[in-house]
Amino acid sequence: MTFTRAHRHFLDALREDAALPPPALRTGTADDFREWKAEMRAFDQAQLDLGLVTAAQLQERNAAVRVRRFPMRIVKGARYA
């Protein structure tokens, strides 16, 4: 499903039920994962468009590292031997 099609789908679905859960993770193949990621982006954008979440709430929810008080960045990645 393309981003645009998924976005329209989630806009309609979230208008009907604002508590709609995000798409379930699919990791069977790289294509499955890409499709899921596009759907997640569309879901997040639909929530923003409808005012169900703020950008800050979305960033906190999607952050790889949870930080409550201070903004953090990963500056240097780990080195593997």
C-alpha atoms as a PDB file:
ATOM      1  CA  MET A   1       0.000   0.000   0.000  1.00  0.00           C
ATOM      2  CA  THR A   2       1.387   3.407  -0.901  1.00  0.00           C
ATOM      3  CA  PHE A   3       1.760   6.183   1.660  1.00  0.00           C
ATOM      4  CA  THR A   4      -1.019   8.248   0.051  1.00  0.00           C
ATOM      5  CA  ARG A   5      -3.472   5.361   0.007  1.00  0.00           C
ATOM      6  CA  ALA A   6      -2.595   4.349   3.564  1.00  0.00           C
ATOM      7  CA  HIS A   7      -2.885   7.970   4.731  1.00  0.00           C
ATOM      8  CA  ARG A   8      -6.399   8.274   3.304  1.00  0.00           C
ATOM      9  CA  HIS A   9      -7.335   4.932   4.867  1.00  0.00           C
ATOM     10  CA  PHE A  10      -6.075   5.939   8.324  1.00  0.00           C
ATOM     11  CA  LEU A  11      -7.705   9.386   8.139  1.00  0.00           C
ATOM     12  CA  ASP A  12     -11.079   7.716   7.565  1.00  0.00           C
ATOM     13  CA  ALA A  13     -10.474   4.972  10.138  1.00  0.00           C
ATOM     14  CA  LEU A  14      -9.274   7.380  12.849  1.00  0.00           C
ATOM     15  CA  ARG A  15     -12.263   9.664  12.270  1.00  0.00           C
ATOM     16  CA  GLU A  16     -14.490   6.697  13.077  1.00  0.00           C
ATOM     17  CA  ASP A  17     -12.401   5.399  15.999  1.00  0.00           C
ATOM     18  CA  ALA A  18      -9.705   7.661  17.466  1.00  0.00           C
ATOM     19  CA  ALA A  19      -8.435   4.752  19.591  1.00  0.00           C
ATOM     20  CA  LEU A  20      -7.545   2.680  16.524  1.00  0.00           C
ATOM     21  CA  PRO A  21      -4.290   0.777  17.194  1.00  0.00           C
ATOM     22  CA  PRO A  22      -1.348   1.234  14.831  1.00  0.00           C
ATOM     23  CA  PRO A  23      -0.669  -1.365  12.150  1.00  0.00           C
ATOM     24  CA  ALA A  24       0.805  -4.604  13.475  1.00  0.00           C
ATOM     25  CA  LEU A  25       4.521  -5.092  12.904  1.00  0.00           C
ATOM     26  CA  ARG A  26       5.360  -7.295   9.939  1.00  0.00           C
ATOM     27  CA  THR A  27       8.948  -8.473   9.591  1.00  0.00           C
ATOM     28  CA  GLY A  28       8.696 -11.532   7.372  1.00  0.00           C
ATOM     29  CA  THR A  29      10.616 -10.025   4.462  1.00  0.00           C
ATOM     30  CA  ALA A  30      12.241  -6.698   3.674  1.00  0.00           C
ATOM     31  CA  ASP A  31       9.228  -5.822   1.513  1.00  0.00           C
ATOM     32  CA  ASP A  32       6.852  -6.606   4.390  1.00  0.00           C
ATOM     33  CA  PHE A  33       8.871  -4.359   6.665  1.00  0.00           C
ATOM     34  CA  ARG A  34       8.958  -1.521   4.086  1.00  0.00           C
ATOM     35  CA  GLU A  35       5.197  -1.719   3.648  1.00  0.00           C
ATOM     36  CA  TRP A  36       4.641  -1.704   7.414  1.00  0.00           C
ATOM     37  CA  LYS A  37       6.966   1.301   7.800  1.00  0.00           C
ATOM     38  CA  ALA A  38       5.046   3.222   5.114  1.00  0.00           C
ATOM     39  CA  GLU A  39       1.788   2.388   6.881  1.00  0.00           C
ATOM     40  CA  MET A  40       3.223   3.555  10.209  1.00  0.00           C
ATOM     41  CA  ARG A  41       4.286   6.872   8.650  1.00  0.00           C
ATOM     42  CA  ALA A  42       0.798   7.280   7.205  1.00  0.00           C
ATOM     43  CA  PHE A  43      -0.798   6.378  10.543  1.00  0.00           C
ATOM     44  CA  ASP A  44       1.381   8.907  12.390  1.00  0.00           C
ATOM     45  CA  GLN A  45       0.640  11.621   9.825  1.00  0.00           C
ATOM     46  CA  ALA A  46      -3.101  10.941  10.011  1.00  0.00           C
ATOM     47  CA  GLN A  47      -2.986  11.293  13.803  1.00  0.00           C
ATOM     48  CA  LEU A  48      -1.153  14.624  13.429  1.00  0.00           C
ATOM     49  CA  ASP A  49      -3.585  15.849  10.765  1.00  0.00           C
ATOM     50  CA  LEU A  50      -6.594  15.064  12.956  1.00  0.00           C
ATOM     51  CA  GLY A  51      -5.027  16.637  16.035  1.00  0.00           C
ATOM     52  CA  LEU A  52      -5.053  13.392  18.008  1.00  0.00           C
ATOM     53  CA  VAL A  53      -1.389  13.789  18.973  1.00  0.00           C
ATOM     54  CA  THR A  54       1.122  16.615  18.963  1.00  0.00           C
ATOM     55  CA  ALA A  55       4.451  16.440  17.205  1.00  0.00           C
ATOM     56  CA  ALA A  56       6.189  16.246  20.594  1.00  0.00           C
ATOM     57  CA  GLN A  57       3.995  13.323  21.704  1.00  0.00           C
ATOM     58  CA  LEU A  58       4.654  11.530  18.444  1.00  0.00           C
ATOM     59  CA  GLN A  59       8.387  12.085  18.745  1.00  0.00           C
ATOM     60  CA  GLU A  60       8.382  10.733  22.310  1.00  0.00           C
ATOM     61  CA  ARG A  61       6.364   7.681  21.286  1.00  0.00           C
ATOM     62  CA  ASN A  62       8.588   6.888  18.308  1.00  0.00           C
ATOM     63  CA  ALA A  63      11.934   7.625  19.981  1.00  0.00           C
ATOM     64  CA  ALA A  64      14.480   4.846  20.057  1.00  0.00           C
ATOM     65  CA  VAL A  65      15.716   6.103  23.428  1.00  0.00           C
ATOM     66  CA  ARG A  66      13.197   7.353  25.981  1.00  0.00           C
ATOM     67  CA  VAL A  67      14.281  10.539  27.710  1.00  0.00           C
ATOM     68  CA  ARG A  68      11.795  12.358  29.905  1.00  0.00           C
ATOM     69  CA  ARG A  69      13.642  15.507  30.959  1.00  0.00           C
ATOM     70  CA  PHE A  70      16.399  16.288  28.506  1.00  0.00           C
ATOM     71  CA  PRO A  71      16.587  16.070  24.731  1.00  0.00           C
ATOM     72  CA  MET A  72      19.320  13.672  23.658  1.00  0.00           C
ATOM     73  CA  ARG A  73      20.990  12.711  20.427  1.00  0.00           C
ATOM     74  CA  ILE A  74      23.022   9.690  19.538  1.00  0.00           C
ATOM     75  CA  VAL A  75      26.232  11.329  18.371  1.00  0.00           C
ATOM     76  CA  LYS A  76      28.469   8.355  17.792  1.00  0.00           C
ATOM     77  CA  GLY A  77      27.394   4.826  16.994  1.00  0.00           C
ATOM     78  CA  ALA A  78      28.891   1.763  18.622  1.00  0.00           C
ATOM     79  CA  ARG A  79      31.920   0.175  17.014  1.00  0.00           C
ATOM     80  CA  TYR A  80      31.907  -3.540  16.491  1.00  0.00           C
ATOM     81  CA  ALA A  81      35.095  -5.592  16.287  1.00  0.00           C
END
